[in-house]
Amino acid sequence: MGMSDKIGPLACGQKEEQIFLGREFSRHRDYSEETARLIDDEVRGIVTQSYEKAKNILNGTMATLHRLANTLLEKEVLDGSQIDQIIKSEAVEP
């Protein structure tokens, strides 16, 4: 079930269950090649947009991530309050 501006609220493919043991679940394609390309384009756009968003978040917090990694290398174990201190750029209490 997908909901995008281009495709709208559309369920694509019907689930077919095999009644015999050892058979896998399969999908029945009940849409055209054009619709399949549109679905692929929408999924590709969602994945690309999500990747870029995640990359920007990580790049924007790189200094904090390095502080966290270095502190973990020193102490090996951190609790929640210590992680909060690192995120707030405070000195970590033992």
PDB file of N, CA and C in Angstrom:
ATOM      1  N   MET A   1       0.858  -1.164   0.000  1.00  0.00           N
ATOM      2  CA  MET A   1       0.000   0.000   0.000  1.00  0.00           C
ATOM      3  C   MET A   1       0.900   1.222   0.000  1.00  0.00           C
ATOM      4  N   GLY A   2       0.766   2.021  -1.005  1.00  0.00           N
ATOM      5  CA  GLY A   2       1.588   3.216  -1.096  1.00  0.00           C
ATOM      6  C   GLY A   2       0.735   4.452  -1.221  1.00  0.00           C
ATOM      7  N   MET A   3       1.233   5.539  -0.721  1.00  0.00           N
ATOM      8  CA  MET A   3       0.529   6.805  -0.835  1.00  0.00           C
ATOM      9  C   MET A   3       1.542   7.863  -1.208  1.00  0.00           C
ATOM     10  N   SER A   4       1.480   8.307  -2.450  1.00  0.00           N
ATOM     11  CA  SER A   4       2.355   9.379  -2.893  1.00  0.00           C
ATOM     12  C   SER A   4       1.513  10.368  -3.681  1.00  0.00           C
ATOM     13  N   ASP A   5       2.072  11.536  -3.918  1.00  0.00           N
ATOM     14  CA  ASP A   5       1.330  12.548  -4.669  1.00  0.00           C
ATOM     15  C   ASP A   5       1.065  12.086  -6.098  1.00  0.00           C
ATOM     16  N   LYS A   6       2.012  11.396  -6.711  1.00  0.00           N
ATOM     17  CA  LYS A   6       1.833  10.941  -8.089  1.00  0.00           C
ATOM     18  C   LYS A   6       0.894   9.751  -8.200  1.00  0.00           C
ATOM     19  N   ILE A   7       1.055   8.791  -7.323  1.00  0.00           N
ATOM     20  CA  ILE A   7       0.294   7.546  -7.428  1.00  0.00           C
ATOM     21  C   ILE A   7      -1.000   7.595  -6.629  1.00  0.00           C
ATOM     22  N   GLY A   8      -0.979   8.280  -5.502  1.00  0.00           N
ATOM     23  CA  GLY A   8      -2.164   8.328  -4.656  1.00  0.00           C
ATOM     24  C   GLY A   8      -2.258   7.105  -3.768  1.00  0.00           C
ATOM     25  N   PRO A   9      -3.398   6.915  -3.110  1.00  0.00           N
ATOM     26  CA  PRO A   9      -3.566   5.745  -2.233  1.00  0.00           C
ATOM     27  C   PRO A   9      -3.859   4.502  -3.083  1.00  0.00           C
ATOM     28  N   LEU A  10      -2.827   3.723  -3.353  1.00  0.00           N
ATOM     29  CA  LEU A  10      -2.956   2.601  -4.274  1.00  0.00           C
ATOM     30  C   LEU A  10      -2.275   1.379  -3.695  1.00  0.00           C
ATOM     31  N   ALA A  11      -2.968   0.267  -3.703  1.00  0.00           N
ATOM     32  CA  ALA A  11      -2.368  -1.008  -3.321  1.00  0.00           C
ATOM     33  C   ALA A  11      -1.972  -1.717  -4.604  1.00  0.00           C
ATOM     34  N   CYS A  12      -0.712  -2.092  -4.708  1.00  0.00           N
ATOM     35  CA  CYS A  12      -0.208  -2.719  -5.930  1.00  0.00           C
ATOM     36  C   CYS A  12       0.165  -4.163  -5.669  1.00  0.00           C
ATOM     37  N   GLY A  13      -0.372  -5.052  -6.441  1.00  0.00           N
ATOM     38  CA  GLY A  13      -0.060  -6.472  -6.312  1.00  0.00           C
ATOM     39  C   GLY A  13      -0.916  -7.130  -5.258  1.00  0.00           C
ATOM     40  N   GLN A  14      -1.287  -8.343  -5.515  1.00  0.00           N
ATOM     41  CA  GLN A  14      -2.082  -9.096  -4.558  1.00  0.00           C
ATOM     42  C   GLN A  14      -1.234 -10.219  -4.004  1.00  0.00           C
ATOM     43  N   LYS A  15      -1.309 -10.419  -2.714  1.00  0.00           N
ATOM     44  CA  LYS A  15      -0.535 -11.468  -2.063  1.00  0.00           C
ATOM     45  C   LYS A  15      -1.189 -12.808  -2.356  1.00  0.00           C
ATOM     46  N   GLU A  16      -0.373 -13.761  -2.817  1.00  0.00           N
ATOM     47  CA  GLU A  16      -0.874 -15.108  -3.068  1.00  0.00           C
ATOM     48  C   GLU A  16      -0.169 -16.062  -2.127  1.00  0.00           C
ATOM     49  N   GLU A  17      -0.920 -16.813  -1.391  1.00  0.00           N
ATOM     50  CA  GLU A  17      -0.332 -17.767  -0.469  1.00  0.00           C
ATOM     51  C   GLU A  17      -0.469 -19.165  -1.043  1.00  0.00           C
ATOM     52  N   GLN A  18       0.625 -19.890  -1.065  1.00  0.00           N
ATOM     53  CA  GLN A  18       0.606 -21.270  -1.533  1.00  0.00           C
ATOM     54  C   GLN A  18       0.181 -22.164  -0.372  1.00  0.00           C
ATOM     55  N   ILE A  19      -0.660 -23.121  -0.662  1.00  0.00           N
ATOM     56  CA  ILE A  19      -1.155 -23.972   0.419  1.00  0.00           C
ATOM     57  C   ILE A  19      -0.234 -25.158   0.698  1.00  0.00           C
ATOM     58  N   PHE A  20       0.751 -25.378  -0.160  1.00  0.00           N
ATOM     59  CA  PHE A  20       1.653 -26.505   0.040  1.00  0.00           C
ATOM     60  C   PHE A  20       2.860 -26.087   0.868  1.00  0.00           C
ATOM     61  N   LEU A  21       3.333 -26.982   1.680  1.00  0.00           N
ATOM     62  CA  LEU A  21       4.507 -26.703   2.499  1.00  0.00           C
ATOM     63  C   LEU A  21       5.724 -26.518   1.608  1.00  0.00           C
ATOM     64  N   GLY A  22       6.603 -25.650   2.009  1.00  0.00           N
ATOM     65  CA  GLY A  22       7.825 -25.431   1.264  1.00  0.00           C
ATOM     66  C   GLY A  22       7.685 -24.389   0.162  1.00  0.00           C
ATOM     67  N   ARG A  23       6.504 -23.895  -0.065  1.00  0.00           N
ATOM     68  CA  ARG A  23       6.297 -22.876  -1.094  1.00  0.00           C
ATOM     69  C   ARG A  23       6.406 -21.499  -0.469  1.00  0.00           C
ATOM     70  N   GLU A  24       6.903 -20.556  -1.230  1.00  0.00           N
ATOM     71  CA  GLU A  24       7.043 -19.201  -0.739  1.00  0.00           C
ATOM     72  C   GLU A  24       5.804 -18.383  -1.080  1.00  0.00           C
ATOM     73  N   PHE A  25       5.623 -17.315  -0.323  1.00  0.00           N
ATOM     74  CA  PHE A  25       4.576 -16.370  -0.645  1.00  0.00           C
ATOM     75  C   PHE A  25       4.992 -15.622  -1.906  1.00  0.00           C
ATOM     76  N   SER A  26       4.050 -15.317  -2.748  1.00  0.00           N
ATOM     77  CA  SER A  26       4.390 -14.592  -3.970  1.00  0.00           C
ATOM     78  C   SER A  26       3.417 -13.439  -4.164  1.00  0.00           C
ATOM     79  N   ARG A  27       3.738 -12.593  -5.108  1.00  0.00           N
ATOM     80  CA  ARG A  27       2.906 -11.441  -5.432  1.00  0.00           C
ATOM     81  C   ARG A  27       2.398 -11.586  -6.853  1.00  0.00           C
ATOM     82  N   HIS A  28       1.157 -11.281  -7.035  1.00  0.00           N
ATOM     83  CA  HIS A  28       0.572 -11.256  -8.365  1.00  0.00           C
ATOM     84  C   HIS A  28       0.574  -9.812  -8.834  1.00  0.00           C
ATOM     85  N   ARG A  29       1.188  -9.561  -9.982  1.00  0.00           N
ATOM     86  CA  ARG A  29       1.268  -8.199 -10.504  1.00  0.00           C
ATOM     87  C   ARG A  29       0.020  -7.915 -11.327  1.00  0.00           C
ATOM     88  N   ASP A  30      -0.790  -6.993 -10.836  1.00  0.00           N
ATOM     89  CA  ASP A  30      -2.041  -6.661 -11.522  1.00  0.00           C
ATOM     90  C   ASP A  30      -2.029  -5.211 -12.000  1.00  0.00           C
ATOM     91  N   TYR A  31      -0.865  -4.761 -12.514  1.00  0.00           N
ATOM     92  CA  TYR A  31      -0.736  -3.395 -12.995  1.00  0.00           C
ATOM     93  C   TYR A  31       0.187  -3.384 -14.216  1.00  0.00           C
ATOM     94  N   SER A  32       0.113  -2.303 -14.966  1.00  0.00           N
ATOM     95  CA  SER A  32       0.834  -2.203 -16.234  1.00  0.00           C
ATOM     96  C   SER A  32       2.315  -1.900 -16.032  1.00  0.00           C
ATOM     97  N   GLU A  33       3.084  -2.024 -17.135  1.00  0.00           N
ATOM     98  CA  GLU A  33       4.500  -1.662 -17.110  1.00  0.00           C
ATOM     99  C   GLU A  33       4.683  -0.188 -16.769  1.00  0.00           C
ATOM    100  N   GLU A  34       3.801   0.653 -17.293  1.00  0.00           N
ATOM    101  CA  GLU A  34       3.867   2.091 -17.008  1.00  0.00           C
ATOM    102  C   GLU A  34       3.689   2.359 -15.520  1.00  0.00           C
ATOM    103  N   THR A  35       2.722   1.675 -14.906  1.00  0.00           N
ATOM    104  CA  THR A  35       2.500   1.822 -13.467  1.00  0.00           C
ATOM    105  C   THR A  35       3.699   1.280 -12.693  1.00  0.00           C
ATOM    106  N   ALA A  36       4.274   0.175 -13.162  1.00  0.00           N
ATOM    107  CA  ALA A  36       5.454  -0.393 -12.513  1.00  0.00           C
ATOM    108  C   ALA A  36       6.613   0.604 -12.548  1.00  0.00           C
ATOM    109  N   ARG A  37       6.814   1.272 -13.678  1.00  0.00           N
ATOM    110  CA  ARG A  37       7.881   2.284 -13.770  1.00  0.00           C
ATOM    111  C   ARG A  37       7.593   3.448 -12.826  1.00  0.00           C
ATOM    112  N   LEU A  38       6.340   3.863 -12.747  1.00  0.00           N
ATOM    113  CA  LEU A  38       5.965   4.955 -11.856  1.00  0.00           C
ATOM    114  C   LEU A  38       6.225   4.576 -10.398  1.00  0.00           C
ATOM    115  N   ILE A  39       5.877   3.343 -10.030  1.00  0.00           N
ATOM    116  CA  ILE A  39       6.131   2.854  -8.666  1.00  0.00           C
ATOM    117  C   ILE A  39       7.636   2.853  -8.391  1.00  0.00           C
ATOM    118  N   ASP A  40       8.419   2.332  -9.339  1.00  0.00           N
ATOM    119  CA  ASP A  40       9.876   2.303  -9.174  1.00  0.00           C
ATOM    120  C   ASP A  40      10.439   3.713  -9.007  1.00  0.00           C
ATOM    121  N   ASP A  41       9.952   4.658  -9.801  1.00  0.00           N
ATOM    122  CA  ASP A  41      10.417   6.043  -9.696  1.00  0.00           C
ATOM    123  C   ASP A  41      10.081   6.651  -8.343  1.00  0.00           C
ATOM    124  N   GLU A  42       8.875   6.402  -7.856  1.00  0.00           N
ATOM    125  CA  GLU A  42       8.463   6.927  -6.558  1.00  0.00           C
ATOM    126  C   GLU A  42       9.299   6.319  -5.433  1.00  0.00           C
ATOM    127  N   VAL A  43       9.510   5.006  -5.482  1.00  0.00           N
ATOM    128  CA  VAL A  43      10.312   4.344  -4.445  1.00  0.00           C
ATOM    129  C   VAL A  43      11.745   4.868  -4.494  1.00  0.00           C
ATOM    130  N   ARG A  44      12.310   4.982  -5.700  1.00  0.00           N
ATOM    131  CA  ARG A  44      13.667   5.513  -5.849  1.00  0.00           C
ATOM    132  C   ARG A  44      13.756   6.924  -5.265  1.00  0.00           C
ATOM    133  N   GLY A  45      12.742   7.758  -5.527  1.00  0.00           N
ATOM    134  CA  GLY A  45      12.739   9.113  -4.985  1.00  0.00           C
ATOM    135  C   GLY A  45      12.682   9.137  -3.472  1.00  0.00           C
ATOM    136  N   ILE A  46      11.853   8.278  -2.891  1.00  0.00           N
ATOM    137  CA  ILE A  46      11.740   8.203  -1.427  1.00  0.00           C
ATOM    138  C   ILE A  46      13.057   7.746  -0.813  1.00  0.00           C
ATOM    139  N   VAL A  47      13.673   6.716  -1.398  1.00  0.00           N
ATOM    140  CA  VAL A  47      14.936   6.196  -0.868  1.00  0.00           C
ATOM    141  C   VAL A  47      16.040   7.242  -0.991  1.00  0.00           C
ATOM    142  N   THR A  48      16.117   7.900  -2.149  1.00  0.00           N
ATOM    143  CA  THR A  48      17.151   8.923  -2.360  1.00  0.00           C
ATOM    144  C   THR A  48      16.968  10.093  -1.404  1.00  0.00           C
ATOM    145  N   GLN A  49      15.731  10.542  -1.241  1.00  0.00           N
ATOM    146  CA  GLN A  49      15.446  11.657  -0.335  1.00  0.00           C
ATOM    147  C   GLN A  49      15.791  11.270   1.108  1.00  0.00           C
ATOM    148  N   SER A  50      15.446  10.069   1.512  1.00  0.00           N
ATOM    149  CA  SER A  50      15.736   9.615   2.871  1.00  0.00           C
ATOM    150  C   SER A  50      17.238   9.471   3.096  1.00  0.00           C
ATOM    151  N   TYR A  51      17.950   8.981   2.089  1.00  0.00           N
ATOM    152  CA  TYR A  51      19.408   8.861   2.180  1.00  0.00           C
ATOM    153  C   TYR A  51      20.047  10.230   2.363  1.00  0.00           C
ATOM    154  N   GLU A  52      19.639  11.198   1.561  1.00  0.00           N
ATOM    155  CA  GLU A  52      20.204  12.545   1.655  1.00  0.00           C
ATOM    156  C   GLU A  52      19.902  13.174   3.016  1.00  0.00           C
ATOM    157  N   LYS A  53      18.691  12.960   3.515  1.00  0.00           N
ATOM    158  CA  LYS A  53      18.305  13.503   4.829  1.00  0.00           C
ATOM    159  C   LYS A  53      19.178  12.892   5.929  1.00  0.00           C
ATOM    160  N   ALA A  54      19.368  11.561   5.882  1.00  0.00           N
ATOM    161  CA  ALA A  54      20.195  10.890   6.892  1.00  0.00           C
ATOM    162  C   ALA A  54      21.642  11.363   6.810  1.00  0.00           C
ATOM    163  N   LYS A  55      22.159  11.503   5.589  1.00  0.00           N
ATOM    164  CA  LYS A  55      23.537  11.961   5.401  1.00  0.00           C
ATOM    165  C   LYS A  55      23.711  13.376   5.939  1.00  0.00           C
ATOM    166  N   ASN A  56      22.747  14.257   5.713  1.00  0.00           N
ATOM    167  CA  ASN A  56      22.823  15.627   6.223  1.00  0.00           C
ATOM    168  C   ASN A  56      22.777  15.658   7.749  1.00  0.00           C
ATOM    169  N   ILE A  57      21.950  14.824   8.342  1.00  0.00           N
ATOM    170  CA  ILE A  57      21.875  14.760   9.807  1.00  0.00           C
ATOM    171  C   ILE A  57      23.215  14.307  10.380  1.00  0.00           C
ATOM    172  N   LEU A  58      23.790  13.245   9.792  1.00  0.00           N
ATOM    173  CA  LEU A  58      25.071  12.740  10.288  1.00  0.00           C
ATOM    174  C   LEU A  58      26.183  13.758  10.086  1.00  0.00           C
ATOM    175  N   ASN A  59      26.229  14.403   8.917  1.00  0.00           N
ATOM    176  CA  ASN A  59      27.260  15.414   8.667  1.00  0.00           C
ATOM    177  C   ASN A  59      27.106  16.612   9.597  1.00  0.00           C
ATOM    178  N   GLY A  60      25.877  16.960   9.936  1.00  0.00           N
ATOM    179  CA  GLY A  60      25.630  18.089  10.814  1.00  0.00           C
ATOM    180  C   GLY A  60      25.962  17.834  12.268  1.00  0.00           C
ATOM    181  N   THR A  61      26.078  16.574  12.628  1.00  0.00           N
ATOM    182  CA  THR A  61      26.381  16.217  14.025  1.00  0.00           C
ATOM    183  C   THR A  61      27.698  15.464  14.146  1.00  0.00           C
ATOM    184  N   MET A  62      28.569  15.629  13.152  1.00  0.00           N
ATOM    185  CA  MET A  62      29.818  14.866  13.110  1.00  0.00           C
ATOM    186  C   MET A  62      30.691  15.094  14.341  1.00  0.00           C
ATOM    187  N   ALA A  63      30.802  16.323  14.805  1.00  0.00           N
ATOM    188  CA  ALA A  63      31.645  16.603  15.978  1.00  0.00           C
ATOM    189  C   ALA A  63      31.118  15.854  17.202  1.00  0.00           C
ATOM    190  N   THR A  64      29.824  15.846  17.383  1.00  0.00           N
ATOM    191  CA  THR A  64      29.216  15.133  18.518  1.00  0.00           C
ATOM    192  C   THR A  64      29.439  13.636  18.374  1.00  0.00           C
ATOM    193  N   LEU A  65      29.294  13.110  17.175  1.00  0.00           N
ATOM    194  CA  LEU A  65      29.512  11.682  16.952  1.00  0.00           C
ATOM    195  C   LEU A  65      30.962  11.296  17.241  1.00  0.00           C
ATOM    196  N   HIS A  66      31.909  12.151  16.866  1.00  0.00           N
ATOM    197  CA  HIS A  66      33.318  11.871  17.160  1.00  0.00           C
ATOM    198  C   HIS A  66      33.588  11.925  18.668  1.00  0.00           C
ATOM    199  N   ARG A  67      32.984  12.896  19.363  1.00  0.00           N
ATOM    200  CA  ARG A  67      33.138  12.955  20.829  1.00  0.00           C
ATOM    201  C   ARG A  67      32.581  11.689  21.470  1.00  0.00           C
ATOM    202  N   LEU A  68      31.440  11.269  20.998  1.00  0.00           N
ATOM    203  CA  LEU A  68      30.805  10.063  21.535  1.00  0.00           C
ATOM    204  C   LEU A  68      31.684   8.840  21.270  1.00  0.00           C
ATOM    205  N   ALA A  69      32.187   8.699  20.055  1.00  0.00           N
ATOM    206  CA  ALA A  69      33.037   7.554  19.706  1.00  0.00           C
ATOM    207  C   ALA A  69      34.323   7.553  20.526  1.00  0.00           C
ATOM    208  N   ASN A  70      34.957   8.713  20.664  1.00  0.00           N
ATOM    209  CA  ASN A  70      36.202   8.788  21.434  1.00  0.00           C
ATOM    210  C   ASN A  70      35.971   8.473  22.903  1.00  0.00           C
ATOM    211  N   THR A  71      34.880   8.944  23.456  1.00  0.00           N
ATOM    212  CA  THR A  71      34.572   8.653  24.862  1.00  0.00           C
ATOM    213  C   THR A  71      34.285   7.164  25.043  1.00  0.00           C
ATOM    214  N   LEU A  72      33.599   6.569  24.077  1.00  0.00           N
ATOM    215  CA  LEU A  72      33.353   5.124  24.151  1.00  0.00           C
ATOM    216  C   LEU A  72      34.659   4.332  24.069  1.00  0.00           C
ATOM    217  N   LEU A  73      35.602   4.791  23.263  1.00  0.00           N
ATOM    218  CA  LEU A  73      36.902   4.120  23.193  1.00  0.00           C
ATOM    219  C   LEU A  73      37.631   4.195  24.525  1.00  0.00           C
ATOM    220  N   GLU A  74      37.469   5.313  25.245  1.00  0.00           N
ATOM    221  CA  GLU A  74      38.114   5.484  26.541  1.00  0.00           C
ATOM    222  C   GLU A  74      37.418   4.680  27.632  1.00  0.00           C
ATOM    223  N   LYS A  75      36.105   4.776  27.703  1.00  0.00           N
ATOM    224  CA  LYS A  75      35.364   4.214  28.833  1.00  0.00           C
ATOM    225  C   LYS A  75      34.720   2.871  28.543  1.00  0.00           C
ATOM    226  N   GLU A  76      34.485   2.528  27.290  1.00  0.00           N
ATOM    227  CA  GLU A  76      33.868   1.290  26.826  1.00  0.00           C
ATOM    228  C   GLU A  76      32.377   1.194  27.107  1.00  0.00           C
ATOM    229  N   VAL A  77      31.904   1.770  28.205  1.00  0.00           N
ATOM    230  CA  VAL A  77      30.482   1.698  28.550  1.00  0.00           C
ATOM    231  C   VAL A  77      30.022   3.082  28.986  1.00  0.00           C
ATOM    232  N   LEU A  78      28.879   3.512  28.457  1.00  0.00           N
ATOM    233  CA  LEU A  78      28.275   4.790  28.850  1.00  0.00           C
ATOM    234  C   LEU A  78      26.812   4.560  29.196  1.00  0.00           C
ATOM    235  N   ASP A  79      26.336   5.296  30.187  1.00  0.00           N
ATOM    236  CA  ASP A  79      24.901   5.218  30.473  1.00  0.00           C
ATOM    237  C   ASP A  79      24.208   6.405  29.797  1.00  0.00           C
ATOM    238  N   GLY A  80      22.910   6.447  29.926  1.00  0.00           N
ATOM    239  CA  GLY A  80      22.120   7.474  29.260  1.00  0.00           C
ATOM    240  C   GLY A  80      22.486   8.887  29.658  1.00  0.00           C
ATOM    241  N   SER A  81      22.750   9.105  30.945  1.00  0.00           N
ATOM    242  CA  SER A  81      23.086  10.460  31.394  1.00  0.00           C
ATOM    243  C   SER A  81      24.453  10.888  30.845  1.00  0.00           C
ATOM    244  N   GLN A  82      25.383   9.955  30.730  1.00  0.00           N
ATOM    245  CA  GLN A  82      26.687  10.288  30.163  1.00  0.00           C
ATOM    246  C   GLN A  82      26.562  10.627  28.663  1.00  0.00           C
ATOM    247  N   ILE A  83      25.745   9.903  27.969  1.00  0.00           N
ATOM    248  CA  ILE A  83      25.510  10.207  26.545  1.00  0.00           C
ATOM    249  C   ILE A  83      24.879  11.580  26.404  1.00  0.00           C
ATOM    250  N   ASP A  84      23.929  11.893  27.268  1.00  0.00           N
ATOM    251  CA  ASP A  84      23.317  13.229  27.255  1.00  0.00           C
ATOM    252  C   ASP A  84      24.364  14.316  27.480  1.00  0.00           C
ATOM    253  N   GLN A  85      25.301  14.069  28.399  1.00  0.00           N
ATOM    254  CA  GLN A  85      26.362  15.044  28.671  1.00  0.00           C
ATOM    255  C   GLN A  85      27.239  15.256  27.434  1.00  0.00           C
ATOM    256  N   ILE A  86      27.547  14.183  26.736  1.00  0.00           N
ATOM    257  CA  ILE A  86      28.362  14.301  25.529  1.00  0.00           C
ATOM    258  C   ILE A  86      27.612  15.098  24.461  1.00  0.00           C
ATOM    259  N   ILE A  87      26.348  14.810  24.286  1.00  0.00           N
ATOM    260  CA  ILE A  87      25.541  15.531  23.287  1.00  0.00           C
ATOM    261  C   ILE A  87      25.464  17.013  23.608  1.00  0.00           C
ATOM    262  N   LYS A  88      25.395  17.338  24.920  1.00  0.00           N
ATOM    263  CA  LYS A  88      25.337  18.746  25.351  1.00  0.00           C
ATOM    264  C   LYS A  88      26.716  19.386  25.457  1.00  0.00           C
ATOM    265  N   SER A  89      27.732  18.672  25.036  1.00  0.00           N
ATOM    266  CA  SER A  89      29.138  19.141  25.087  1.00  0.00           C
ATOM    267  C   SER A  89      29.600  19.420  26.509  1.00  0.00           C
ATOM    268  N   GLU A  90      29.113  18.680  27.465  1.00  0.00           N
ATOM    269  CA  GLU A  90      29.528  18.818  28.851  1.00  0.00           C
ATOM    270  C   GLU A  90      30.602  17.775  29.163  1.00  0.00           C
ATOM    271  N   ALA A  91      31.338  17.997  30.221  1.00  0.00           N
ATOM    272  CA  ALA A  91      32.309  17.013  30.674  1.00  0.00           C
ATOM    273  C   ALA A  91      31.557  15.800  31.192  1.00  0.00           C
ATOM    274  N   VAL A  92      32.058  14.624  30.861  1.00  0.00           N
ATOM    275  CA  VAL A  92      31.392  13.389  31.277  1.00  0.00           C
ATOM    276  C   VAL A  92      31.859  13.004  32.662  1.00  0.00           C
ATOM    277  N   GLU A  93      30.868  12.815  33.528  1.00  0.00           N
ATOM    278  CA  GLU A  93      31.178  12.398  34.897  1.00  0.00           C
ATOM    279  C   GLU A  93      31.484  10.900  34.912  1.00  0.00           C
ATOM    280  N   PRO A  94      32.418  10.484  35.736  1.00  0.00           N
ATOM    281  CA  PRO A  94      32.769   9.046  35.799  1.00  0.00           C
ATOM    282  C   PRO A  94      31.628   8.201  36.353  1.00  0.00           C
TER     283      PRO A  94
END
